Amino acid sequence: MDFSLTPEQKELQSVAREFRSKRDDFCCQRIRREEGVSI
């Protein structure tokens, strides 16, 4: 639901979303490593 977003704002949103998912993956990997769980 982007009403009046410029292409630049849409690009920023997608980049932020991608960064957030990568950061979440990294955090999950680190937590698993600390718990000694191998997946």
C-alpha atoms as a PDB file:
ATOM      1  CA  MET A   1       0.000   0.000   0.000  1.00  0.00           C
ATOM      2  CA  ASP A   2       2.341   2.745  -1.191  1.00  0.00           C
ATOM      3  CA  PHE A   3       0.158   5.731  -1.974  1.00  0.00           C
ATOM      4  CA  SER A   4       2.523   8.500  -3.046  1.00  0.00           C
ATOM      5  CA  LEU A   5       5.969   7.013  -2.668  1.00  0.00           C
ATOM      6  CA  THR A   6       8.598   8.169  -5.105  1.00  0.00           C
ATOM      7  CA  PRO A   7      10.804   5.549  -6.796  1.00  0.00           C
ATOM      8  CA  GLU A   8      13.614   6.609  -4.478  1.00  0.00           C
ATOM      9  CA  GLN A   9      11.506   5.937  -1.398  1.00  0.00           C
ATOM     10  CA  LYS A  10      10.426   2.553  -2.745  1.00  0.00           C
ATOM     11  CA  GLU A  11      14.068   1.689  -3.388  1.00  0.00           C
ATOM     12  CA  LEU A  12      14.999   2.703   0.160  1.00  0.00           C
ATOM     13  CA  GLN A  13      12.194   0.568   1.560  1.00  0.00           C
ATOM     14  CA  SER A  14      13.272  -2.521  -0.368  1.00  0.00           C
ATOM     15  CA  VAL A  15      16.902  -2.009   0.641  1.00  0.00           C
ATOM     16  CA  ALA A  16      15.915  -1.603   4.283  1.00  0.00           C
ATOM     17  CA  ARG A  17      13.760  -4.725   4.132  1.00  0.00           C
ATOM     18  CA  GLU A  18      16.611  -6.701   2.561  1.00  0.00           C
ATOM     19  CA  PHE A  19      19.077  -5.448   5.175  1.00  0.00           C
ATOM     20  CA  ARG A  20      16.694  -6.349   7.981  1.00  0.00           C
ATOM     21  CA  SER A  21      16.239  -9.910   6.711  1.00  0.00           C
ATOM     22  CA  LYS A  22      20.008 -10.369   6.334  1.00  0.00           C
ATOM     23  CA  ARG A  23      20.585  -9.057   9.853  1.00  0.00           C
ATOM     24  CA  ASP A  24      17.925 -11.397  11.241  1.00  0.00           C
ATOM     25  CA  ASP A  25      19.562 -14.356   9.474  1.00  0.00           C
ATOM     26  CA  PHE A  26      22.946 -13.399  10.921  1.00  0.00           C
ATOM     27  CA  CYS A  27      21.518 -13.098  14.435  1.00  0.00           C
ATOM     28  CA  CYS A  28      19.821 -16.480  14.148  1.00  0.00           C
ATOM     29  CA  GLN A  29      23.050 -18.100  12.968  1.00  0.00           C
ATOM     30  CA  ARG A  30      24.996 -16.577  15.854  1.00  0.00           C
ATOM     31  CA  ILE A  31      22.408 -17.703  18.410  1.00  0.00           C
ATOM     32  CA  ARG A  32      22.430 -21.240  17.026  1.00  0.00           C
ATOM     33  CA  ARG A  33      26.213 -21.307  17.164  1.00  0.00           C
ATOM     34  CA  GLU A  34      26.216 -20.149  20.785  1.00  0.00           C
ATOM     35  CA  GLU A  35      23.659 -22.812  21.698  1.00  0.00           C
ATOM     36  CA  GLY A  36      25.733 -25.433  19.926  1.00  0.00           C
ATOM     37  CA  VAL A  37      22.879 -26.387  17.650  1.00  0.00           C
ATOM     38  CA  SER A  38      23.888 -27.525  14.192  1.00  0.00           C
ATOM     39  CA  ILE A  39      21.212 -27.243  11.541  1.00  0.00           C
END
